[in-house]
Amino acid sequence: MKVLILGHYNIRNFVLDREGYLFTLNRKYYNSIKILFSLINSIFILFLLLLKISFSQVDGNEYSKDLIVGELFGKVDPADLWQLIQSNYYPVIRNNSKIELEKVESSNQEVIFKVHYPNEGSSVHPERIIFKFFESEYRLIAAIITEEVDFAITESYEAAEEIHKSTSSFKILFRYKPPNFVKMVGYNNQHQILKNRNVRKALTYAINRNYILNGLLRRAADLADGPLSHESKLRISGLEEYKFNPRKAFQLLQEQNWIDTDGDDILDKNGKPFRILMTYEKDVLLEQQLVTRIKIDWNKLGIDVIRNPLIKSEIKKILIYKNYDVILMNHQFQETIDGFETFFKSASSENVLGYKNSTVDRYINLYKIIEPSSQKLMLQAIQKQINRDIPAAFLFFLWIERYFVNRLKFTNFQDENGDLLPFTEWYLK
């Protein structure tokens, strides 16, 4: 009769055959079977361990050839990745290169591109570029420190400082922001309260931008008074700077009959409180700091500010439908009439502020038919009118942003001038 030995049964005194009969073993056979079973069990466990090590090595070799870019849902919509690659925000491929990118996988958390090199046998460069998205910048910082990602970008000084203190695996570098990259508080000019120009002026006067510049930005920015920076040859001088002046802000609001009539420390008018929803990029450190500062400044005036953090894809939607009150936003203005027409002309589909001014519309139309020698003056006249209307509070022009590179995994990521090379030219160590 055949005997079936099952490892999960106690075989101290018996084994179970396939018919289910119980057989008592002789002591001399029991010891031999026990030793044999232990030996087989040990060999099996050793085999599993060796198999696990083998698979780990294979996986490690495969994934060590990935370059993982960490990004935030609040800052970037995954649907915009290709546009950001083409604009060189992410330096992936050099212009006119024969290297090709193929999107091979996309999920809620990751977008994966496979790199096709002209020489497919090359193994010294990244084989895949993986964009991994995080819910918060704190989580992204942790991922950098633990080397879950190889590259990331931030505008936050505090983020760079924390990474510098916590790890030596990453090299921290910086690059200059493009010209006329302005951070501003966009007002919905169609909003029942904010359509009043003097209300918008009051809100702008109430923002302590010097505190922001010195305390949050460590002076790595220039204060803004319009769409174009001070370095621009087309910028007009003598614009109202809307320097921090809470007294003037309060007076402007009083003139518009915004007064606290019920003693709840919130201004009201015709029985309605001055309450506004402030939208900003969710869980992005610098955005959180700016909103906190602006909220404090506006609260002092008696304005109730409600935070509304959203991810980038949601922000894009509310801008299209102008379904917001105020929004903290970035924009890079081009030094052309097209850049002003796109953002400020009443009929423009990309006029996300809902700003309408017949004078600006007329000047934009005139610019296109006047002599080239007069066009600069016309563009400056447009800036002057925008400055009077204050459709947005232009805060500052940020100088730099910092980025992090995993130098334990990659080399050859900078050229001789210290500029960042495309990802596909980095060497794996």
Protein backbone atom coordinates (compact mmCIF):
# COMPACT_ATOMS: atom_id res chain seq x y z
CA MET A 1 0.00 0.00 0.00
CA LYS A 2 1.23 3.45 -0.93
CA VAL A 3 1.86 5.96 1.83
CA LEU A 4 1.29 9.72 1.27
CA ILE A 5 3.38 12.03 3.45
CA LEU A 6 1.88 15.53 3.77
CA GLY A 7 4.08 18.28 5.10
CA HIS A 8 1.28 20.06 6.97
CA TYR A 9 0.33 17.00 9.01
CA ASN A 10 1.99 16.01 12.26
CA ILE A 11 3.82 12.79 11.34
CA ARG A 12 5.13 12.10 14.81
CA ASN A 13 3.29 8.77 15.15
CA PHE A 14 1.27 8.39 11.95
CA VAL A 15 0.75 9.12 8.27
CA LEU A 16 -2.45 9.16 6.23
CA ASP A 17 -2.76 7.02 3.11
CA ARG A 18 -5.03 7.90 0.20
CA GLU A 19 -7.86 5.61 1.43
CA GLY A 20 -7.85 7.47 4.75
CA TYR A 21 -6.65 4.60 6.95
CA LEU A 22 -4.41 5.39 9.87
CA PHE A 23 -1.16 3.48 10.15
CA THR A 24 1.10 3.60 13.15
CA LEU A 25 4.76 3.71 12.20
CA ASN A 26 7.47 1.70 13.79
CA ARG A 27 9.94 3.86 15.75
CA LYS A 28 12.91 2.93 13.52
CA TYR A 29 11.03 4.02 10.39
CA TYR A 30 9.70 7.18 12.05
CA ASN A 31 13.14 8.67 12.66
CA SER A 32 14.27 7.95 9.10
CA ILE A 33 11.14 9.51 7.60
CA LYS A 34 11.42 12.54 9.91
CA ILE A 35 15.03 13.16 8.81
CA LEU A 36 14.10 12.70 5.15
CA PHE A 37 11.13 15.05 5.44
CA SER A 38 13.25 17.73 7.17
CA LEU A 39 15.89 17.44 4.47
CA ILE A 40 13.34 17.79 1.67
CA ASN A 41 11.73 20.73 3.47
CA SER A 42 15.11 22.48 3.87
CA ILE A 43 16.00 21.94 0.22
CA PHE A 44 12.62 23.34 -0.85
CA ILE A 45 13.04 26.48 1.30
CA LEU A 46 16.56 26.99 -0.05
CA PHE A 47 15.22 26.67 -3.59
CA LEU A 48 12.59 29.36 -2.93
CA LEU A 49 15.18 31.71 -1.47
CA LEU A 50 17.48 31.25 -4.46
CA LEU A 51 14.53 31.79 -6.80
CA LYS A 52 13.55 35.01 -4.97
CA ILE A 53 17.11 36.32 -5.14
CA SER A 54 17.27 35.52 -8.83
CA PHE A 55 14.01 37.37 -9.57
CA SER A 56 15.13 40.32 -7.44
CA GLN A 57 18.32 40.60 -9.45
CA VAL A 58 16.42 40.47 -12.72
CA ASP A 59 13.94 43.11 -11.57
CA GLY A 60 16.72 45.25 -10.17
CA ASN A 61 18.64 45.16 -13.43
CA GLU A 62 15.50 46.01 -15.40
CA TYR A 63 14.26 48.88 -13.28
CA SER A 64 17.69 50.37 -12.60
CA LYS A 65 17.58 51.54 -16.22
CA ASP A 66 14.51 53.71 -15.57
CA LEU A 67 14.72 57.42 -14.96
CA ILE A 68 11.87 58.34 -12.61
CA VAL A 69 10.61 61.92 -12.58
CA GLY A 70 8.62 62.98 -9.53
CA GLU A 71 5.76 65.42 -10.10
CA LEU A 72 2.71 66.81 -8.30
CA PHE A 73 -0.95 66.46 -9.31
CA GLY A 74 -1.48 70.00 -8.03
CA LYS A 75 1.21 71.41 -10.31
CA VAL A 76 0.94 69.37 -13.52
CA ASP A 77 -1.93 67.70 -15.33
CA PRO A 78 -0.68 64.33 -16.66
CA ALA A 79 -2.48 65.13 -19.92
CA ASP A 80 -0.05 68.02 -20.45
CA LEU A 81 3.14 65.96 -20.17
CA TRP A 82 3.89 65.82 -23.89
CA GLN A 83 3.47 69.59 -24.21
CA LEU A 84 5.86 70.13 -21.27
CA ILE A 85 8.39 67.76 -22.85
CA GLN A 86 8.22 69.62 -26.15
CA SER A 87 8.66 72.99 -24.42
CA ASN A 88 11.76 71.58 -22.68
CA TYR A 89 10.32 72.09 -19.21
CA TYR A 90 11.37 68.47 -18.85
CA PRO A 91 14.65 68.20 -20.81
CA VAL A 92 14.13 64.76 -22.31
CA ILE A 93 15.47 64.87 -25.89
CA ARG A 94 17.73 67.33 -27.66
CA ASN A 95 16.18 69.18 -30.59
CA ASN A 96 16.66 67.43 -33.97
CA SER A 97 17.66 64.23 -32.19
CA LYS A 98 16.90 60.85 -33.78
CA ILE A 99 15.87 59.48 -30.41
CA GLU A 100 12.15 58.71 -30.17
CA LEU A 101 9.75 58.47 -27.22
CA GLU A 102 6.84 56.04 -27.13
CA LYS A 103 4.16 56.23 -24.47
CA VAL A 104 3.69 52.61 -23.42
CA GLU A 105 1.63 52.90 -20.26
CA SER A 106 -0.53 55.44 -18.47
CA SER A 107 -2.34 55.09 -15.14
CA ASN A 108 -3.66 57.32 -12.38
CA GLN A 109 -0.22 57.52 -10.78
CA GLU A 110 2.31 56.99 -13.59
CA VAL A 111 2.97 57.76 -17.23
CA ILE A 112 5.70 55.62 -18.82
CA PHE A 113 7.65 56.44 -21.97
CA LYS A 114 9.97 53.95 -23.64
CA VAL A 115 13.07 55.46 -25.22
CA HIS A 116 14.08 54.27 -28.69
CA TYR A 117 17.72 55.06 -29.42
CA PRO A 118 19.18 54.88 -32.94
CA ASN A 119 21.58 52.29 -31.55
CA GLU A 120 19.20 49.87 -29.83
CA GLY A 121 22.11 47.98 -28.35
CA SER A 122 23.08 50.94 -26.17
CA SER A 123 22.60 50.26 -22.46
CA VAL A 124 24.36 53.22 -20.86
CA HIS A 125 21.34 55.57 -21.06
CA PRO A 126 17.86 55.35 -19.47
CA GLU A 127 15.59 52.90 -21.27
CA ARG A 128 12.35 54.30 -19.87
CA ILE A 129 11.28 57.72 -18.56
CA ILE A 130 8.65 57.31 -15.87
CA PHE A 131 6.63 60.26 -14.59
CA LYS A 132 5.38 59.42 -11.12
CA PHE A 133 2.74 61.68 -9.60
CA PHE A 134 2.33 62.49 -5.92
CA GLU A 135 -0.54 64.02 -3.97
CA SER A 136 1.61 66.44 -1.97
CA GLU A 137 5.03 68.06 -2.08
CA TYR A 138 5.82 66.63 1.35
CA ARG A 139 5.29 63.15 -0.08
CA LEU A 140 7.49 64.03 -3.06
CA ILE A 141 10.25 65.25 -0.72
CA ALA A 142 10.08 61.92 1.13
CA ALA A 143 10.31 60.06 -2.20
CA ILE A 144 13.43 62.03 -3.13
CA ILE A 145 15.08 61.35 0.23
CA THR A 146 14.33 57.61 -0.07
CA GLU A 147 15.44 57.59 -3.74
CA GLU A 148 12.07 56.56 -5.14
CA VAL A 149 12.54 59.21 -7.82
CA ASP A 150 15.60 60.40 -9.72
CA PHE A 151 14.59 63.91 -10.78
CA ALA A 152 12.18 66.58 -9.54
CA ILE A 153 11.61 70.35 -9.77
CA THR A 154 10.44 72.76 -7.07
CA GLU A 155 9.90 76.48 -6.55
CA SER A 156 10.09 76.01 -2.78
CA TYR A 157 13.20 77.07 -0.88
CA GLU A 158 12.06 74.99 2.11
CA ALA A 159 11.78 71.84 0.00
CA ALA A 160 15.35 72.26 -1.27
CA GLU A 161 16.59 72.96 2.24
CA GLU A 162 14.95 69.83 3.66
CA ILE A 163 16.40 67.61 0.93
CA HIS A 164 19.84 69.15 1.38
CA LYS A 165 19.77 68.35 5.11
CA SER A 166 18.40 64.83 4.69
CA THR A 167 20.40 63.24 1.88
CA SER A 168 23.65 63.56 -0.02
CA SER A 169 22.45 61.29 -2.84
CA PHE A 170 20.95 64.16 -4.81
CA LYS A 171 22.65 67.10 -6.38
CA ILE A 172 20.61 70.30 -6.01
CA LEU A 173 20.87 72.71 -8.93
CA PHE A 174 18.87 75.65 -10.22
CA ARG A 175 17.76 77.10 -13.52
CA TYR A 176 16.37 80.51 -14.39
CA LYS A 177 12.69 81.04 -14.96
CA PRO A 178 11.75 82.26 -18.45
CA PRO A 179 11.28 86.02 -18.96
CA ASN A 180 8.01 87.58 -17.80
CA PHE A 181 7.02 84.50 -15.79
CA VAL A 182 4.72 86.21 -13.30
CA LYS A 183 2.86 84.83 -10.30
CA MET A 184 -0.40 86.65 -9.73
CA VAL A 185 -3.75 86.60 -8.00
CA GLY A 186 -6.27 86.41 -10.79
CA TYR A 187 -9.60 88.12 -10.07
CA ASN A 188 -12.76 86.89 -11.73
CA ASN A 189 -13.76 90.20 -13.28
CA GLN A 190 -17.32 88.88 -13.80
CA HIS A 191 -17.79 88.09 -10.10
CA GLN A 192 -20.54 90.04 -8.36
CA ILE A 193 -18.11 91.63 -5.87
CA LEU A 194 -14.85 91.60 -7.85
CA LYS A 195 -16.20 93.24 -10.99
CA ASN A 196 -15.76 96.52 -9.11
CA ARG A 197 -12.35 97.99 -9.98
CA ASN A 198 -11.93 99.74 -6.62
CA VAL A 199 -12.56 96.48 -4.78
CA ARG A 200 -9.84 94.82 -6.85
CA LYS A 201 -7.51 97.72 -6.07
CA ALA A 202 -8.27 97.41 -2.34
CA LEU A 203 -7.44 93.69 -2.36
CA THR A 204 -4.17 94.39 -4.20
CA TYR A 205 -3.11 97.18 -1.81
CA ALA A 206 -3.77 94.82 1.11
CA ILE A 207 -1.23 92.18 0.02
CA ASN A 208 2.12 92.55 1.80
CA ARG A 209 4.33 91.59 -1.11
CA ASN A 210 7.53 92.72 0.63
CA TYR A 211 6.86 90.15 3.35
CA ILE A 212 6.44 87.53 0.63
CA LEU A 213 9.60 88.64 -1.17
CA ASN A 214 11.81 88.70 1.93
CA GLY A 215 10.26 85.98 4.06
CA LEU A 216 9.11 83.32 1.61
CA LEU A 217 11.20 83.91 -1.51
CA ARG A 218 14.48 84.95 0.16
CA ARG A 219 14.55 87.89 -2.28
CA ALA A 220 14.88 85.56 -5.28
CA ALA A 221 12.21 87.47 -7.20
CA ASP A 222 11.29 90.94 -8.48
CA LEU A 223 8.08 92.69 -7.51
CA ALA A 224 5.64 93.01 -10.39
CA ASP A 225 3.39 95.89 -11.43
CA GLY A 226 2.16 94.38 -14.68
CA PRO A 227 2.61 91.57 -17.19
CA LEU A 228 6.15 92.52 -18.26
CA SER A 229 9.23 92.51 -16.06
CA HIS A 230 11.57 95.46 -15.55
CA GLU A 231 14.09 93.93 -18.00
CA SER A 232 11.62 94.10 -20.87
CA LYS A 233 12.30 96.84 -23.44
CA LEU A 234 8.54 97.09 -24.04
CA ARG A 235 7.59 97.70 -20.42
CA ILE A 236 6.28 101.17 -19.63
CA SER A 237 7.70 103.02 -16.62
CA GLY A 238 5.69 104.97 -14.05
CA LEU A 239 3.00 102.35 -13.47
CA GLU A 240 1.15 102.25 -10.16
CA GLU A 241 3.03 99.69 -8.04
CA TYR A 242 0.18 99.03 -5.58
CA LYS A 243 2.58 98.90 -2.65
CA PHE A 244 1.33 97.47 0.62
CA ASN A 245 -1.12 100.03 2.03
CA PRO A 246 -3.82 98.50 4.25
CA ARG A 247 -5.15 101.92 5.23
CA LYS A 248 -5.84 102.83 1.62
CA ALA A 249 -7.33 99.39 1.02
CA PHE A 250 -9.74 99.86 3.92
CA GLN A 251 -10.73 103.34 2.70
CA LEU A 252 -11.46 102.06 -0.81
CA LEU A 253 -13.73 99.35 0.61
CA GLN A 254 -15.55 101.83 2.85
CA GLU A 255 -16.16 104.06 -0.17
CA GLN A 256 -17.88 101.08 -1.78
CA ASN A 257 -20.04 100.66 1.36
CA TRP A 258 -18.27 97.54 2.60
CA ILE A 259 -18.67 97.93 6.38
CA ASP A 260 -18.97 95.51 9.29
CA THR A 261 -22.52 96.29 10.37
CA ASP A 262 -23.17 93.26 12.58
CA GLY A 263 -19.91 93.11 14.56
CA ASP A 264 -18.77 89.69 13.32
CA ASP A 265 -15.44 91.08 12.00
CA ILE A 266 -16.53 90.42 8.41
CA LEU A 267 -17.40 93.26 6.07
CA ASP A 268 -20.87 93.17 4.60
CA LYS A 269 -22.98 95.07 2.12
CA ASN A 270 -26.75 94.86 1.61
CA GLY A 271 -26.81 92.00 4.11
CA LYS A 272 -24.21 89.92 2.23
CA PRO A 273 -20.78 89.19 3.75
CA PHE A 274 -17.54 89.84 1.86
CA ARG A 275 -16.64 86.19 1.44
CA ILE A 276 -14.47 84.90 -1.40
CA LEU A 277 -13.19 81.49 -2.44
CA MET A 278 -9.46 81.37 -3.13
CA THR A 279 -8.34 78.61 -5.50
CA TYR A 280 -4.75 77.41 -5.74
CA GLU A 281 -2.62 74.39 -6.64
CA LYS A 282 -3.22 71.64 -4.12
CA ASP A 283 -0.43 70.65 -1.70
CA VAL A 284 2.29 72.65 -3.49
CA LEU A 285 4.42 74.20 -0.75
CA LEU A 286 4.98 77.69 -2.15
CA GLU A 287 1.32 77.99 -3.16
CA GLN A 288 0.22 77.03 0.35
CA GLN A 289 2.55 79.62 1.88
CA LEU A 290 1.38 82.38 -0.43
CA VAL A 291 -2.29 81.66 0.15
CA THR A 292 -1.76 81.62 3.91
CA ARG A 293 -0.04 85.02 3.75
CA ILE A 294 -2.68 86.59 1.49
CA LYS A 295 -5.48 85.15 3.60
CA ILE A 296 -3.96 86.77 6.71
CA ASP A 297 -3.70 90.13 4.94
CA TRP A 298 -7.27 90.02 3.67
CA ASN A 299 -8.65 88.76 6.97
CA LYS A 300 -7.26 91.89 8.62
CA LEU A 301 -9.47 93.95 6.31
CA GLY A 302 -12.54 91.98 7.34
CA ILE A 303 -12.69 89.70 4.32
CA ASP A 304 -13.59 86.06 4.85
CA VAL A 305 -11.31 83.92 2.68
CA ILE A 306 -12.11 80.26 2.08
CA ARG A 307 -9.31 78.05 0.77
CA ASN A 308 -10.02 75.93 -2.29
CA PRO A 309 -7.01 73.72 -3.19
CA LEU A 310 -7.43 71.80 -6.44
CA ILE A 311 -5.31 69.55 -8.63
CA LYS A 312 -4.14 71.00 -11.94
CA SER A 313 -6.69 69.22 -14.13
CA GLU A 314 -9.52 70.68 -12.03
CA ILE A 315 -7.99 74.18 -12.13
CA LYS A 316 -7.92 74.07 -15.93
CA LYS A 317 -11.65 73.32 -16.00
CA ILE A 318 -12.72 76.11 -13.64
CA LEU A 319 -10.62 78.61 -15.60
CA ILE A 320 -12.37 77.69 -18.84
CA TYR A 321 -15.81 78.25 -17.30
CA LYS A 322 -14.63 81.07 -14.97
CA ASN A 323 -16.08 79.14 -12.08
CA TYR A 324 -13.93 80.74 -9.39
CA ASP A 325 -13.63 83.94 -7.30
CA VAL A 326 -9.88 84.51 -7.07
CA ILE A 327 -7.10 82.18 -8.12
CA LEU A 328 -3.36 82.05 -7.49
CA MET A 329 -1.83 81.40 -10.88
CA ASN A 330 1.28 81.64 -13.08
CA HIS A 331 1.57 82.99 -16.59
CA GLN A 332 4.43 83.71 -18.94
CA PHE A 333 3.61 86.76 -21.03
CA GLN A 334 5.10 87.04 -24.48
CA GLU A 335 6.42 90.45 -25.53
CA THR A 336 4.09 90.58 -28.51
CA ILE A 337 0.63 91.95 -29.19
CA ASP A 338 -0.57 88.36 -29.57
CA GLY A 339 0.35 87.62 -25.97
CA PHE A 340 -1.73 90.58 -24.74
CA GLU A 341 -4.60 89.86 -27.10
CA THR A 342 -4.84 86.25 -25.98
CA PHE A 343 -4.98 87.08 -22.29
CA PHE A 344 -6.74 90.46 -22.14
CA LYS A 345 -8.97 90.98 -25.17
CA SER A 346 -12.65 90.68 -24.31
CA ALA A 347 -13.52 88.19 -27.04
CA SER A 348 -10.51 85.91 -26.50
CA SER A 349 -11.35 82.34 -25.53
CA GLU A 350 -8.25 82.34 -23.32
CA ASN A 351 -9.25 85.44 -21.38
CA VAL A 352 -9.64 83.44 -18.17
CA LEU A 353 -10.02 86.56 -16.01
CA GLY A 354 -13.22 87.65 -17.74
CA TYR A 355 -11.63 91.07 -18.19
CA LYS A 356 -13.46 93.44 -20.53
CA ASN A 357 -12.30 96.92 -21.48
CA SER A 358 -13.27 98.61 -24.74
CA THR A 359 -10.17 100.82 -24.66
CA VAL A 360 -7.84 97.82 -24.48
CA ASP A 361 -9.78 96.08 -27.24
CA ARG A 362 -9.51 99.16 -29.46
CA TYR A 363 -5.79 99.57 -28.81
CA ILE A 364 -5.16 95.92 -29.68
CA ASN A 365 -7.00 96.35 -32.98
CA LEU A 366 -5.18 99.60 -33.76
CA TYR A 367 -1.79 98.03 -33.07
CA LYS A 368 -2.23 95.78 -36.09
CA ILE A 369 -2.81 98.60 -38.58
CA ILE A 370 -0.56 101.43 -37.36
CA GLU A 371 3.01 102.05 -38.44
CA PRO A 372 5.63 99.78 -36.82
CA SER A 373 7.32 102.83 -35.34
CA SER A 374 4.19 103.52 -33.25
CA GLN A 375 3.50 99.97 -32.13
CA LYS A 376 5.70 100.14 -29.05
CA LEU A 377 3.81 103.19 -27.77
CA MET A 378 0.50 101.42 -28.40
CA LEU A 379 1.61 98.35 -26.46
CA GLN A 380 2.68 100.59 -23.59
CA ALA A 381 -0.71 102.30 -23.66
CA ILE A 382 -2.32 98.88 -23.30
CA GLN A 383 -0.14 98.18 -20.25
CA LYS A 384 -1.13 101.50 -18.70
CA GLN A 385 -4.84 100.76 -19.06
CA ILE A 386 -4.41 97.28 -17.59
CA ASN A 387 -2.52 98.82 -14.68
CA ARG A 388 -5.46 101.18 -14.00
CA ASP A 389 -8.03 98.39 -14.15
CA ILE A 390 -5.98 95.85 -12.12
CA PRO A 391 -7.75 92.73 -13.50
CA ALA A 392 -5.20 90.72 -11.50
CA ALA A 393 -2.79 91.42 -8.67
CA PHE A 394 0.60 90.95 -10.29
CA LEU A 395 2.75 89.73 -7.39
CA PHE A 396 6.30 88.99 -8.52
CA PHE A 397 8.58 87.57 -11.19
CA LEU A 398 10.32 84.51 -9.77
CA TRP A 399 13.98 84.23 -10.77
CA ILE A 400 14.78 80.57 -10.34
CA GLU A 401 13.49 77.10 -9.68
CA ARG A 402 15.49 74.26 -8.17
CA TYR A 403 15.81 70.71 -9.39
CA PHE A 404 17.23 67.53 -7.94
CA VAL A 405 19.26 64.81 -9.68
CA ASN A 406 20.08 61.38 -8.28
CA ARG A 407 23.87 61.51 -8.62
CA LEU A 408 24.35 58.04 -7.14
CA LYS A 409 22.51 56.55 -10.10
CA PHE A 410 23.38 58.94 -12.93
CA THR A 411 26.34 60.85 -14.26
CA ASN A 412 26.85 63.17 -17.25
CA PHE A 413 23.67 65.14 -16.45
CA GLN A 414 25.35 68.57 -16.84
CA ASP A 415 27.26 70.17 -19.69
CA GLU A 416 30.51 72.11 -19.28
CA ASN A 417 28.54 75.26 -18.41
CA GLY A 418 26.61 73.51 -15.67
CA ASP A 419 23.34 73.42 -17.64
CA LEU A 420 21.15 70.36 -17.45
CA LEU A 421 21.57 67.88 -20.32
CA PRO A 422 18.58 65.99 -21.79
CA PHE A 423 17.58 62.87 -19.83
CA THR A 424 18.43 60.64 -22.78
CA GLU A 425 22.07 61.76 -22.61
CA TRP A 426 22.52 60.88 -18.95
CA TYR A 427 24.75 57.89 -18.15
CA LEU A 428 23.76 55.13 -15.78
CA LYS A 429 26.44 54.37 -13.20
